[in-house]
Amino acid sequence: MWFSFKHALLCVAFAGAMLSSVTAQAFCFNEAGARYRVDPLLLRAIARVESGMKPGIIGKNMDGKKLLSRDFGLMQINERQIPQLRAMGILNSEQDLLDNPCLNVQIGAWILAKHLQQCGVNWECLGSYNAGFAKGNSPRRMIYARKIYAMYMASRGGGS
């Protein structure tokens, strides 16, 4: 009897931890969305596409076998952003982007909001979050935007 009670207690504790983690994560997206006036479901869709919702992931941007840059955390913040974020006193190191998922979401929302201010609220501009602003990158921006749109619509219960 003690074993099954102990097992049940562990299951309840684990479920509670998972639920609080999900609740905290939802709070992070809602808070960042409110702060930067971006739909939290859109931020969540970006995180799903960028990292699969894995906060500790490091992405590598490659050109063949050559490493071009790395991206960190839920929102896959590019390492080129790190010097500015350090200068602003937001980060101490790139590890902060992996260890603090809420901070990562805030930074991703800030970057997206800056992009939308620069090129307007449209899907190609949203694609610049991943593909940048280079003139030749329009097809890449639209491919990325379609992925985000599909994920966004799925999260709202609609199809793509």
Protein backbone atom coordinates (compact mmCIF):
# COMPACT_ATOMS: atom_id res chain seq x y z
CA MET A 1 0.00 0.00 0.00
CA TRP A 2 2.83 2.42 0.90
CA PHE A 3 4.53 1.87 -2.45
CA SER A 4 1.41 2.71 -4.45
CA PHE A 5 0.68 5.78 -2.31
CA LYS A 6 4.27 6.97 -2.70
CA HIS A 7 4.08 6.34 -6.43
CA ALA A 8 0.78 8.25 -6.67
CA LEU A 9 2.25 11.12 -4.66
CA LEU A 10 5.23 11.32 -7.02
CA CYS A 11 2.89 11.31 -10.01
CA VAL A 12 0.83 14.15 -8.54
CA ALA A 13 3.98 16.14 -7.75
CA PHE A 14 5.31 15.60 -11.27
CA ALA A 15 1.97 16.59 -12.83
CA GLY A 16 1.88 19.72 -10.66
CA ALA A 17 5.39 20.67 -11.71
CA MET A 18 4.49 20.17 -15.36
CA LEU A 19 1.28 22.17 -15.00
CA SER A 20 3.06 25.03 -13.26
CA SER A 21 5.72 24.97 -15.99
CA VAL A 22 3.05 25.19 -18.69
CA THR A 23 1.29 27.98 -16.77
CA ALA A 24 4.56 29.86 -16.33
CA GLN A 25 5.35 29.42 -20.01
CA ALA A 26 1.91 30.74 -21.02
CA PHE A 27 2.51 33.72 -18.73
CA CYS A 28 5.83 34.44 -20.48
CA PHE A 29 4.19 34.59 -23.91
CA ASN A 30 1.25 36.64 -22.63
CA GLU A 31 3.53 39.08 -20.81
CA ALA A 32 5.84 39.55 -23.82
CA GLY A 33 2.86 39.94 -26.14
CA ALA A 34 1.31 42.62 -23.95
CA ARG A 35 4.60 44.47 -23.54
CA TYR A 36 5.42 44.59 -27.28
CA ARG A 37 1.83 44.54 -28.62
CA VAL A 38 2.27 41.22 -30.42
CA ASP A 39 -0.29 38.43 -30.29
CA PRO A 40 1.00 35.86 -27.75
CA LEU A 41 -0.25 33.06 -30.01
CA LEU A 42 1.95 34.46 -32.79
CA LEU A 43 4.95 34.46 -30.45
CA ARG A 44 4.14 30.89 -29.45
CA ALA A 45 3.86 29.89 -33.13
CA ILE A 46 7.31 31.38 -33.77
CA ALA A 47 8.76 29.47 -30.81
CA ARG A 48 7.20 26.23 -32.06
CA VAL A 49 8.68 26.68 -35.52
CA GLU A 50 12.04 28.00 -34.32
CA SER A 51 12.81 25.60 -31.47
CA GLY A 52 9.97 23.13 -31.14
CA MET A 53 9.36 24.79 -27.74
CA LYS A 54 12.72 23.51 -26.44
CA PRO A 55 14.26 26.25 -24.28
CA GLY A 56 17.78 24.82 -24.18
CA ILE A 57 18.28 24.29 -27.90
CA ILE A 58 21.14 25.84 -29.86
CA GLY A 59 20.59 26.11 -33.61
CA LYS A 60 23.44 26.31 -36.08
CA ASN A 61 23.16 28.34 -39.28
CA MET A 62 25.38 26.61 -41.79
CA ASP A 63 26.63 27.30 -45.29
CA GLY A 64 27.66 23.81 -46.27
CA LYS A 65 30.17 22.84 -43.60
CA LYS A 66 30.88 26.44 -42.55
CA LEU A 67 29.19 27.69 -39.36
CA LEU A 68 27.71 31.13 -40.04
CA SER A 69 26.07 31.79 -36.68
CA ARG A 70 24.21 30.21 -33.77
CA ASP A 71 20.70 30.75 -32.41
CA PHE A 72 19.70 30.26 -28.77
CA GLY A 73 16.62 29.10 -26.90
CA LEU A 74 12.88 29.11 -27.49
CA MET A 75 12.84 32.04 -29.90
CA GLN A 76 16.25 31.14 -31.42
CA ILE A 77 17.87 34.51 -30.71
CA ASN A 78 20.81 34.93 -33.08
CA GLU A 79 24.23 35.44 -31.54
CA ARG A 80 24.61 38.67 -33.54
CA GLN A 81 22.10 40.20 -31.10
CA ILE A 82 24.21 39.34 -28.03
CA PRO A 83 26.63 42.33 -28.07
CA GLN A 84 23.73 44.82 -28.14
CA LEU A 85 21.85 42.90 -25.43
CA ARG A 86 24.98 42.89 -23.24
CA ALA A 87 25.52 46.61 -23.81
CA MET A 88 21.92 47.23 -22.77
CA GLY A 89 22.50 45.25 -19.57
CA ILE A 90 19.96 42.58 -20.51
CA LEU A 91 22.37 39.64 -20.81
CA ASN A 92 25.57 38.58 -19.15
CA SER A 93 26.20 35.76 -21.60
CA GLU A 94 24.54 33.64 -24.25
CA GLN A 95 23.79 31.11 -21.51
CA ASP A 96 21.13 33.52 -20.18
CA LEU A 97 19.17 32.89 -23.39
CA LEU A 98 19.10 29.17 -22.59
CA ASP A 99 18.60 29.35 -18.83
CA ASN A 100 15.82 31.95 -18.79
CA PRO A 101 13.05 31.04 -21.27
CA CYS A 102 10.92 34.05 -20.27
CA LEU A 103 13.80 36.40 -21.03
CA ASN A 104 14.28 34.62 -24.36
CA VAL A 105 10.60 35.15 -25.24
CA GLN A 106 10.80 38.83 -24.21
CA ILE A 107 13.84 39.35 -26.44
CA GLY A 108 12.20 37.53 -29.35
CA ALA A 109 9.08 39.69 -28.99
CA TRP A 110 11.26 42.83 -28.85
CA ILE A 111 13.11 41.80 -32.04
CA LEU A 112 9.86 41.00 -33.85
CA ALA A 113 8.30 44.30 -32.76
CA LYS A 114 11.35 46.18 -34.07
CA HIS A 115 11.04 44.39 -37.41
CA LEU A 116 7.32 45.14 -37.67
CA GLN A 117 8.02 48.83 -36.96
CA GLN A 118 10.65 48.83 -39.69
CA CYS A 119 8.76 47.13 -42.51
CA GLY A 120 5.11 47.09 -41.44
CA VAL A 121 2.65 44.55 -40.15
CA ASN A 122 2.57 42.00 -42.96
CA TRP A 123 3.61 38.39 -43.44
CA GLU A 124 6.75 39.11 -45.43
CA CYS A 125 7.94 41.42 -42.66
CA LEU A 126 7.22 38.70 -40.12
CA GLY A 127 9.44 36.46 -42.29
CA SER A 128 12.32 38.85 -41.67
CA TYR A 129 12.47 37.50 -38.10
CA ASN A 130 14.08 34.41 -39.60
CA ALA A 131 15.37 35.44 -43.04
CA GLY A 132 16.46 39.03 -42.45
CA PHE A 133 15.97 42.07 -44.66
CA ALA A 134 18.27 41.31 -47.62
CA LYS A 135 16.62 42.03 -50.98
CA GLY A 136 17.20 38.52 -52.31
CA ASN A 137 15.59 36.87 -49.28
CA SER A 138 11.95 37.56 -50.13
CA PRO A 139 11.22 33.92 -51.07
CA ARG A 140 12.81 32.72 -47.78
CA ARG A 141 10.81 35.26 -45.81
CA MET A 142 7.56 34.06 -47.38
CA ILE A 143 8.38 30.36 -46.82
CA TYR A 144 9.02 31.12 -43.15
CA ALA A 145 5.89 33.28 -42.90
CA ARG A 146 3.77 30.43 -44.29
CA LYS A 147 5.15 28.08 -41.64
CA ILE A 148 4.32 30.57 -38.91
CA TYR A 149 0.88 31.23 -40.37
CA ALA A 150 0.07 27.49 -40.45
CA MET A 151 1.25 27.06 -36.85
CA TYR A 152 -0.62 30.18 -35.77
CA MET A 153 -3.87 29.05 -37.38
CA ALA A 154 -3.51 25.56 -35.87
CA SER A 155 -3.09 27.11 -32.41
CA ARG A 156 -6.31 29.07 -32.95
CA GLY A 157 -8.14 25.90 -33.94
CA GLY A 158 -8.26 26.76 -37.63
CA GLY A 159 -6.65 25.14 -40.63
CA SER A 160 -4.02 26.59 -42.89
